[in-house]
Amino acid sequence: MLHRLWRQETFFDVAERFHVSRGWLQNVLQATCSQASSIARFAEKIPSFWPLKNLLPDLVQHLRDCSQQELIPLLALDGVKRGRARQLYNAGFKTIGLIASADSSMLLSTIDHLNRRQANAIIRSAKVLLRDQLAEKAEELEEQFGIKGTEILAKFFSSL
């Protein structure tokens, strides 16, 4: 079950496949993360366990991300942690593109405890991330099909 979650399958699909409730599956994932964190702290104290000390924090982080797959793209934004990502997602800002196209007053009216500076920083970060993703895709188009991505990008960047 954990392997399927690791591979980014949804909780619903994994729970249905193994005939367990989603709540039970989330509890198993949370207990696994807790145990792995405890072992990582223990490994920090014993020098011969250095491989576990290096491996387990990343493993725990990846497992925790499995429990909130829908938030992963939002967590890539500067200044956005899990709580803020959850607020954005619940307010309807489910993609980087939606955030990049929003204005700060829209974010301020829908997100609690957000000031204008933070809203502008989040929007700016979303635009930069979106621009980088578009530039990467444009390079792929140019390499694979010979299409000049710079013309496409110029049109997009002028609209920002």
N, C-alpha and C. Protein backbone atom coordinates (compact mmCIF):
# COMPACT_ATOMS: atom_id res chain seq x y z
N MET A 1 0.82 -1.19 0.00
CA MET A 1 0.00 0.00 0.00
C MET A 1 0.87 1.26 0.00
N LEU A 2 1.88 1.25 0.87
CA LEU A 2 2.76 2.42 0.95
C LEU A 2 3.52 2.62 -0.36
N HIS A 3 3.87 1.52 -0.99
CA HIS A 3 4.58 1.62 -2.28
C HIS A 3 3.69 2.30 -3.32
N ARG A 4 2.44 1.98 -3.32
CA ARG A 4 1.52 2.61 -4.28
C ARG A 4 1.35 4.10 -3.98
N LEU A 5 1.29 4.45 -2.70
CA LEU A 5 1.24 5.87 -2.35
C LEU A 5 2.52 6.58 -2.75
N TRP A 6 3.64 5.90 -2.56
CA TRP A 6 4.94 6.44 -2.94
C TRP A 6 4.96 6.77 -4.43
N ARG A 7 4.30 5.93 -5.22
CA ARG A 7 4.26 6.13 -6.67
C ARG A 7 3.18 7.13 -7.08
N GLN A 8 2.66 7.87 -6.12
CA GLN A 8 1.71 8.97 -6.34
C GLN A 8 0.32 8.52 -6.76
N GLU A 9 -0.08 7.30 -6.40
CA GLU A 9 -1.47 6.90 -6.60
C GLU A 9 -2.32 7.60 -5.54
N THR A 10 -3.55 7.87 -5.84
CA THR A 10 -4.41 8.59 -4.90
C THR A 10 -4.82 7.68 -3.74
N PHE A 11 -5.16 8.31 -2.63
CA PHE A 11 -5.63 7.56 -1.47
C PHE A 11 -6.87 6.74 -1.82
N PHE A 12 -7.74 7.36 -2.58
CA PHE A 12 -8.98 6.68 -2.95
C PHE A 12 -8.69 5.39 -3.71
N ASP A 13 -7.80 5.46 -4.72
CA ASP A 13 -7.48 4.28 -5.52
C ASP A 13 -6.80 3.19 -4.70
N VAL A 14 -5.86 3.57 -3.85
CA VAL A 14 -5.14 2.58 -3.03
C VAL A 14 -6.10 1.94 -2.03
N ALA A 15 -6.92 2.74 -1.38
CA ALA A 15 -7.87 2.20 -0.40
C ALA A 15 -8.85 1.24 -1.08
N GLU A 16 -9.30 1.61 -2.25
CA GLU A 16 -10.23 0.75 -2.98
C GLU A 16 -9.57 -0.56 -3.40
N ARG A 17 -8.34 -0.48 -3.87
CA ARG A 17 -7.62 -1.68 -4.32
C ARG A 17 -7.41 -2.68 -3.19
N PHE A 18 -7.07 -2.18 -2.00
CA PHE A 18 -6.76 -3.05 -0.87
C PHE A 18 -7.95 -3.24 0.08
N HIS A 19 -9.10 -2.69 -0.28
CA HIS A 19 -10.33 -2.85 0.50
C HIS A 19 -10.17 -2.38 1.95
N VAL A 20 -9.62 -1.18 2.09
CA VAL A 20 -9.49 -0.55 3.40
C VAL A 20 -10.07 0.85 3.30
N SER A 21 -10.36 1.45 4.44
CA SER A 21 -10.88 2.82 4.41
C SER A 21 -9.74 3.81 4.20
N ARG A 22 -10.07 4.97 3.65
CA ARG A 22 -9.04 6.00 3.44
C ARG A 22 -8.49 6.49 4.76
N GLY A 23 -9.33 6.58 5.78
CA GLY A 23 -8.87 7.00 7.10
C GLY A 23 -7.84 6.05 7.67
N TRP A 24 -8.10 4.75 7.52
CA TRP A 24 -7.15 3.75 8.01
C TRP A 24 -5.83 3.88 7.26
N LEU A 25 -5.91 4.07 5.95
CA LEU A 25 -4.71 4.21 5.13
C LEU A 25 -3.92 5.46 5.54
N GLN A 26 -4.61 6.55 5.80
CA GLN A 26 -3.92 7.77 6.24
C GLN A 26 -3.27 7.57 7.60
N ASN A 27 -3.93 6.83 8.49
CA ASN A 27 -3.34 6.53 9.79
C ASN A 27 -2.08 5.69 9.64
N VAL A 28 -2.10 4.70 8.75
CA VAL A 28 -0.91 3.87 8.51
C VAL A 28 0.23 4.74 7.98
N LEU A 29 -0.08 5.63 7.05
CA LEU A 29 0.96 6.51 6.50
C LEU A 29 1.52 7.43 7.58
N GLN A 30 0.66 7.98 8.40
CA GLN A 30 1.11 8.87 9.48
C GLN A 30 1.97 8.11 10.48
N ALA A 31 1.57 6.89 10.84
CA ALA A 31 2.36 6.08 11.78
C ALA A 31 3.71 5.72 11.18
N THR A 32 3.74 5.43 9.90
CA THR A 32 5.00 5.11 9.22
C THR A 32 5.93 6.32 9.24
N CYS A 33 5.40 7.48 8.95
CA CYS A 33 6.21 8.71 8.98
C CYS A 33 6.74 8.97 10.38
N SER A 34 5.90 8.76 11.37
CA SER A 34 6.31 8.98 12.75
C SER A 34 7.43 8.02 13.15
N GLN A 35 7.29 6.76 12.80
CA GLN A 35 8.32 5.77 13.12
C GLN A 35 9.63 6.09 12.40
N ALA A 36 9.54 6.46 11.13
CA ALA A 36 10.74 6.79 10.36
C ALA A 36 11.43 8.02 10.95
N SER A 37 10.66 9.00 11.41
CA SER A 37 11.24 10.19 12.04
C SER A 37 11.95 9.82 13.33
N SER A 38 11.35 8.94 14.11
CA SER A 38 11.97 8.50 15.36
C SER A 38 13.28 7.76 15.10
N ILE A 39 13.28 6.91 14.10
CA ILE A 39 14.50 6.17 13.75
C ILE A 39 15.57 7.14 13.25
N ALA A 40 15.17 8.15 12.49
CA ALA A 40 16.13 9.15 12.00
C ALA A 40 16.77 9.90 13.16
N ARG A 41 15.97 10.29 14.15
CA ARG A 41 16.53 10.98 15.33
C ARG A 41 17.47 10.05 16.09
N PHE A 42 17.11 8.79 16.20
CA PHE A 42 17.97 7.81 16.87
C PHE A 42 19.28 7.64 16.10
N ALA A 43 19.19 7.58 14.77
CA ALA A 43 20.38 7.38 13.94
C ALA A 43 21.34 8.56 14.03
N GLU A 44 20.84 9.75 14.34
CA GLU A 44 21.71 10.91 14.49
C GLU A 44 22.67 10.75 15.66
N LYS A 45 22.26 10.00 16.66
CA LYS A 45 23.07 9.83 17.88
C LYS A 45 24.14 8.76 17.74
N ILE A 46 23.99 7.85 16.78
CA ILE A 46 24.94 6.74 16.64
C ILE A 46 25.66 6.88 15.30
N PRO A 47 26.97 7.14 15.34
CA PRO A 47 27.72 7.41 14.11
C PRO A 47 27.66 6.27 13.08
N SER A 48 27.59 5.04 13.52
CA SER A 48 27.59 3.93 12.56
C SER A 48 26.28 3.83 11.77
N PHE A 49 25.27 4.57 12.18
CA PHE A 49 24.00 4.57 11.46
C PHE A 49 23.90 5.75 10.48
N TRP A 50 25.05 6.27 10.05
CA TRP A 50 25.04 7.44 9.18
C TRP A 50 24.21 7.25 7.91
N PRO A 51 24.13 6.04 7.31
CA PRO A 51 23.27 5.93 6.11
C PRO A 51 21.80 6.24 6.42
N LEU A 52 21.32 5.77 7.57
CA LEU A 52 19.93 6.05 7.94
C LEU A 52 19.73 7.53 8.21
N LYS A 53 20.73 8.14 8.82
CA LYS A 53 20.64 9.57 9.13
C LYS A 53 20.50 10.39 7.85
N ASN A 54 21.18 9.95 6.79
CA ASN A 54 21.12 10.68 5.52
C ASN A 54 19.88 10.34 4.70
N LEU A 55 19.41 9.12 4.81
CA LEU A 55 18.31 8.65 3.96
C LEU A 55 16.92 8.97 4.52
N LEU A 56 16.73 8.77 5.79
CA LEU A 56 15.39 8.83 6.37
C LEU A 56 14.71 10.20 6.31
N PRO A 57 15.40 11.31 6.53
CA PRO A 57 14.67 12.59 6.43
C PRO A 57 14.03 12.81 5.06
N ASP A 58 14.74 12.45 3.99
CA ASP A 58 14.16 12.59 2.65
C ASP A 58 12.99 11.63 2.45
N LEU A 59 13.13 10.42 2.97
CA LEU A 59 12.06 9.43 2.88
C LEU A 59 10.81 9.92 3.60
N VAL A 60 10.99 10.44 4.79
CA VAL A 60 9.85 10.95 5.57
C VAL A 60 9.18 12.11 4.83
N GLN A 61 9.98 13.02 4.29
CA GLN A 61 9.41 14.16 3.57
C GLN A 61 8.61 13.68 2.36
N HIS A 62 9.15 12.72 1.63
CA HIS A 62 8.44 12.21 0.46
C HIS A 62 7.14 11.52 0.86
N LEU A 63 7.18 10.75 1.94
CA LEU A 63 5.96 10.09 2.41
C LEU A 63 4.92 11.11 2.87
N ARG A 64 5.36 12.16 3.52
CA ARG A 64 4.41 13.20 3.95
C ARG A 64 3.80 13.90 2.75
N ASP A 65 4.61 14.08 1.71
CA ASP A 65 4.08 14.70 0.50
C ASP A 65 3.04 13.80 -0.16
N CYS A 66 3.19 12.49 -0.01
CA CYS A 66 2.21 11.55 -0.58
C CYS A 66 0.82 11.79 -0.01
N SER A 67 0.77 12.20 1.24
CA SER A 67 -0.53 12.38 1.88
C SER A 67 -1.24 13.64 1.40
N GLN A 68 -0.51 14.53 0.76
CA GLN A 68 -1.11 15.78 0.29
C GLN A 68 -0.67 16.05 -1.15
N GLN A 69 -0.95 15.11 -2.02
CA GLN A 69 -0.49 15.20 -3.39
C GLN A 69 -0.98 16.45 -4.10
N GLU A 70 -2.18 16.86 -3.80
CA GLU A 70 -2.75 18.01 -4.50
C GLU A 70 -2.02 19.31 -4.15
N LEU A 71 -1.27 19.31 -3.03
CA LEU A 71 -0.58 20.52 -2.60
C LEU A 71 0.83 20.63 -3.16
N ILE A 72 1.37 19.56 -3.71
CA ILE A 72 2.77 19.55 -4.14
C ILE A 72 3.11 20.69 -5.10
N PRO A 73 2.31 20.95 -6.15
CA PRO A 73 2.67 22.08 -7.02
C PRO A 73 2.68 23.42 -6.29
N LEU A 74 1.75 23.61 -5.36
CA LEU A 74 1.68 24.88 -4.62
C LEU A 74 2.84 25.04 -3.66
N LEU A 75 3.38 23.93 -3.16
CA LEU A 75 4.52 24.00 -2.25
C LEU A 75 5.79 24.45 -2.95
N ALA A 76 5.80 24.46 -4.28
CA ALA A 76 6.96 24.93 -5.03
C ALA A 76 7.07 26.45 -5.02
N LEU A 77 6.02 27.14 -4.61
CA LEU A 77 6.04 28.60 -4.58
C LEU A 77 6.83 29.10 -3.38
N ASP A 78 7.56 30.19 -3.58
CA ASP A 78 8.32 30.80 -2.49
C ASP A 78 7.35 31.30 -1.41
N GLY A 79 7.68 31.01 -0.16
CA GLY A 79 6.89 31.50 0.95
C GLY A 79 5.61 30.72 1.21
N VAL A 80 5.42 29.60 0.53
CA VAL A 80 4.21 28.81 0.72
C VAL A 80 4.57 27.50 1.40
N LYS A 81 4.07 27.33 2.60
CA LYS A 81 4.24 26.08 3.35
C LYS A 81 2.92 25.32 3.28
N ARG A 82 2.85 24.21 3.99
CA ARG A 82 1.66 23.35 3.92
C ARG A 82 0.36 24.09 4.28
N GLY A 83 0.39 24.86 5.35
CA GLY A 83 -0.82 25.56 5.78
C GLY A 83 -1.32 26.54 4.73
N ARG A 84 -0.40 27.34 4.21
CA ARG A 84 -0.77 28.32 3.19
C ARG A 84 -1.20 27.61 1.90
N ALA A 85 -0.50 26.52 1.55
CA ALA A 85 -0.89 25.77 0.36
C ALA A 85 -2.30 25.21 0.51
N ARG A 86 -2.62 24.73 1.69
CA ARG A 86 -3.97 24.20 1.94
C ARG A 86 -5.00 25.33 1.82
N GLN A 87 -4.68 26.52 2.35
CA GLN A 87 -5.59 27.66 2.23
C GLN A 87 -5.82 28.02 0.77
N LEU A 88 -4.74 28.09 0.00
CA LEU A 88 -4.86 28.42 -1.42
C LEU A 88 -5.72 27.39 -2.15
N TYR A 89 -5.44 26.13 -1.89
CA TYR A 89 -6.17 25.04 -2.54
C TYR A 89 -7.65 25.11 -2.20
N ASN A 90 -7.96 25.28 -0.93
CA ASN A 90 -9.36 25.34 -0.49
C ASN A 90 -10.09 26.57 -1.03
N ALA A 91 -9.34 27.64 -1.31
CA ALA A 91 -9.94 28.86 -1.84
C ALA A 91 -10.11 28.80 -3.36
N GLY A 92 -9.71 27.68 -3.97
CA GLY A 92 -9.90 27.52 -5.41
C GLY A 92 -8.66 27.76 -6.24
N PHE A 93 -7.56 28.14 -5.62
CA PHE A 93 -6.31 28.36 -6.34
C PHE A 93 -5.54 27.04 -6.37
N LYS A 94 -5.95 26.14 -7.26
CA LYS A 94 -5.44 24.77 -7.24
C LYS A 94 -4.22 24.57 -8.13
N THR A 95 -3.92 25.54 -8.98
CA THR A 95 -2.77 25.42 -9.87
C THR A 95 -1.91 26.68 -9.81
N ILE A 96 -0.69 26.53 -10.27
CA ILE A 96 0.23 27.67 -10.34
C ILE A 96 -0.33 28.72 -11.30
N GLY A 97 -0.92 28.27 -12.40
CA GLY A 97 -1.49 29.18 -13.38
C GLY A 97 -2.60 30.05 -12.82
N LEU A 98 -3.45 29.46 -11.99
CA LEU A 98 -4.53 30.24 -11.38
C LEU A 98 -3.99 31.31 -10.44
N ILE A 99 -2.93 30.97 -9.73
CA ILE A 99 -2.33 31.95 -8.82
C ILE A 99 -1.62 33.04 -9.62
N ALA A 100 -0.92 32.65 -10.68
CA ALA A 100 -0.20 33.63 -11.50
C ALA A 100 -1.16 34.61 -12.16
N SER A 101 -2.36 34.17 -12.49
CA SER A 101 -3.31 35.06 -13.15
C SER A 101 -4.17 35.87 -12.16
N ALA A 102 -4.03 35.58 -10.88
CA ALA A 102 -4.80 36.31 -9.87
C ALA A 102 -4.14 37.65 -9.55
N ASP A 103 -4.90 38.55 -8.97
CA ASP A 103 -4.30 39.78 -8.46
C ASP A 103 -4.30 39.72 -6.94
N SER A 104 -3.50 40.57 -6.34
CA SER A 104 -3.31 40.49 -4.89
C SER A 104 -4.61 40.72 -4.11
N SER A 105 -5.47 41.58 -4.60
CA SER A 105 -6.73 41.83 -3.88
C SER A 105 -7.61 40.59 -3.86
N MET A 106 -7.55 39.78 -4.91
CA MET A 106 -8.32 38.54 -4.95
C MET A 106 -7.80 37.56 -3.89
N LEU A 107 -6.48 37.46 -3.79
CA LEU A 107 -5.89 36.59 -2.77
C LEU A 107 -6.21 37.10 -1.36
N LEU A 108 -6.09 38.40 -1.18
CA LEU A 108 -6.35 38.99 0.14
C LEU A 108 -7.79 38.76 0.61
N SER A 109 -8.72 38.79 -0.32
CA SER A 109 -10.12 38.63 0.07
C SER A 109 -10.49 37.17 0.35
N THR A 110 -9.71 36.23 -0.15
CA THR A 110 -10.07 34.82 0.03
C THR A 110 -9.19 34.06 1.01
N ILE A 111 -8.01 34.58 1.32
CA ILE A 111 -7.06 33.88 2.20
C ILE A 111 -6.94 34.64 3.51
N ASP A 112 -7.19 33.95 4.61
CA ASP A 112 -7.06 34.57 5.94
C ASP A 112 -5.60 34.78 6.31
N HIS A 113 -5.34 35.84 7.06
CA HIS A 113 -4.02 36.14 7.61
C HIS A 113 -2.94 36.28 6.53
N LEU A 114 -3.30 36.89 5.42
CA LEU A 114 -2.36 37.13 4.33
C LEU A 114 -2.28 38.63 4.12
N ASN A 115 -1.06 39.17 4.13
CA ASN A 115 -0.94 40.60 3.87
C ASN A 115 -0.58 40.84 2.41
N ARG A 116 -0.66 42.09 1.99
CA ARG A 116 -0.45 42.42 0.58
C ARG A 116 0.96 42.05 0.10
N ARG A 117 1.95 42.26 0.94
CA ARG A 117 3.32 41.92 0.55
C ARG A 117 3.46 40.42 0.27
N GLN A 118 2.88 39.59 1.15
CA GLN A 118 2.93 38.14 0.95
C GLN A 118 2.16 37.74 -0.31
N ALA A 119 1.00 38.34 -0.52
CA ALA A 119 0.20 38.02 -1.70
C ALA A 119 0.97 38.36 -2.97
N ASN A 120 1.60 39.53 -3.00
CA ASN A 120 2.38 39.91 -4.18
C ASN A 120 3.56 38.98 -4.39
N ALA A 121 4.21 38.56 -3.31
CA ALA A 121 5.35 37.64 -3.42
C ALA A 121 4.90 36.28 -3.96
N ILE A 122 3.76 35.80 -3.50
CA ILE A 122 3.25 34.51 -3.98
C ILE A 122 2.90 34.59 -5.46
N ILE A 123 2.24 35.66 -5.86
CA ILE A 123 1.87 35.83 -7.26
C ILE A 123 3.12 35.96 -8.13
N ARG A 124 4.09 36.74 -7.66
CA ARG A 124 5.34 36.91 -8.40
C ARG A 124 6.06 35.56 -8.56
N SER A 125 6.10 34.79 -7.49
CA SER A 125 6.74 33.48 -7.53
C SER A 125 6.02 32.55 -8.51
N ALA A 126 4.69 32.60 -8.52
CA ALA A 126 3.92 31.77 -9.45
C ALA A 126 4.21 32.16 -10.90
N LYS A 127 4.33 33.45 -11.16
CA LYS A 127 4.63 33.90 -12.52
C LYS A 127 6.02 33.45 -12.96
N VAL A 128 6.99 33.55 -12.06
CA VAL A 128 8.35 33.11 -12.38
C VAL A 128 8.37 31.61 -12.64
N LEU A 129 7.71 30.85 -11.80
CA LEU A 129 7.67 29.40 -11.96
C LEU A 129 6.98 29.03 -13.27
N LEU A 130 5.89 29.69 -13.58
CA LEU A 130 5.17 29.43 -14.82
C LEU A 130 6.02 29.81 -16.03
N ARG A 131 6.71 30.93 -15.94
CA ARG A 131 7.58 31.36 -17.03
C ARG A 131 8.70 30.36 -17.26
N ASP A 132 9.29 29.85 -16.17
CA ASP A 132 10.35 28.84 -16.30
C ASP A 132 9.83 27.56 -16.93
N GLN A 133 8.63 27.15 -16.53
CA GLN A 133 8.05 25.94 -17.10
C GLN A 133 7.77 26.13 -18.59
N LEU A 134 7.28 27.30 -18.95
CA LEU A 134 7.02 27.59 -20.37
C LEU A 134 8.31 27.64 -21.18
N ALA A 135 9.34 28.23 -20.62
CA ALA A 135 10.63 28.29 -21.32
C ALA A 135 11.18 26.88 -21.54
N GLU A 136 11.02 26.03 -20.56
CA GLU A 136 11.48 24.65 -20.68
C GLU A 136 10.70 23.92 -21.78
N LYS A 137 9.40 24.11 -21.82
CA LYS A 137 8.57 23.48 -22.85
C LYS A 137 8.90 24.04 -24.23
N ALA A 138 9.17 25.33 -24.30
CA ALA A 138 9.53 25.94 -25.57
C ALA A 138 10.84 25.36 -26.10
N GLU A 139 11.80 25.12 -25.22
CA GLU A 139 13.05 24.49 -25.63
C GLU A 139 12.80 23.08 -26.15
N GLU A 140 11.92 22.36 -25.48
CA GLU A 140 11.58 21.01 -25.95
C GLU A 140 10.95 21.05 -27.33
N LEU A 141 10.04 22.01 -27.56
CA LEU A 141 9.42 22.15 -28.88
C LEU A 141 10.46 22.45 -29.94
N GLU A 142 11.38 23.33 -29.59
CA GLU A 142 12.41 23.71 -30.54
C GLU A 142 13.31 22.53 -30.88
N GLU A 143 13.69 21.75 -29.86
CA GLU A 143 14.55 20.60 -30.08
C GLU A 143 13.85 19.50 -30.87
N GLN A 144 12.60 19.22 -30.54
CA GLN A 144 11.91 18.09 -31.15
C GLN A 144 11.31 18.41 -32.51
N PHE A 145 10.75 19.60 -32.66
CA PHE A 145 10.00 19.89 -33.88
C PHE A 145 10.56 21.06 -34.68
N GLY A 146 11.55 21.73 -34.17
CA GLY A 146 12.11 22.86 -34.87
C GLY A 146 11.25 24.11 -34.80
N ILE A 147 10.22 24.09 -33.96
CA ILE A 147 9.35 25.26 -33.80
C ILE A 147 10.06 26.27 -32.92
N LYS A 148 10.06 27.50 -33.34
CA LYS A 148 10.68 28.55 -32.55
C LYS A 148 9.81 28.87 -31.34
N GLY A 149 10.30 28.49 -30.18
CA GLY A 149 9.56 28.73 -28.95
C GLY A 149 9.65 30.17 -28.50
N THR A 150 10.64 30.90 -29.02
CA THR A 150 10.81 32.29 -28.58
C THR A 150 9.63 33.16 -28.97
N GLU A 151 9.03 32.87 -30.13
CA GLU A 151 7.86 33.66 -30.54
C GLU A 151 6.67 33.40 -29.62
N ILE A 152 6.50 32.13 -29.25
CA ILE A 152 5.42 31.77 -28.34
C ILE A 152 5.65 32.43 -26.99
N LEU A 153 6.88 32.36 -26.51
CA LEU A 153 7.21 32.93 -25.21
C LEU A 153 7.06 34.45 -25.21
N ALA A 154 7.45 35.10 -26.29
CA ALA A 154 7.34 36.56 -26.36
C ALA A 154 5.89 37.00 -26.20
N LYS A 155 4.98 36.26 -26.83
CA LYS A 155 3.56 36.59 -26.70
C LYS A 155 3.08 36.40 -25.27
N PHE A 156 3.54 35.31 -24.64
CA PHE A 156 3.12 35.04 -23.27
C PHE A 156 3.68 36.08 -22.31
N PHE A 157 4.99 36.36 -22.42
CA PHE A 157 5.63 37.27 -21.48
C PHE A 157 5.07 38.68 -21.60
N SER A 158 4.65 39.07 -22.79
CA SER A 158 4.09 40.42 -22.94
C SER A 158 2.74 40.54 -22.24
N SER A 159 2.06 39.39 -22.04
CA SER A 159 0.77 39.44 -21.35
C SER A 159 0.92 39.48 -19.83
N LEU A 160 2.11 39.16 -19.31
CA LEU A 160 2.33 39.21 -17.86
C LEU A 160 2.58 40.60 -17.47
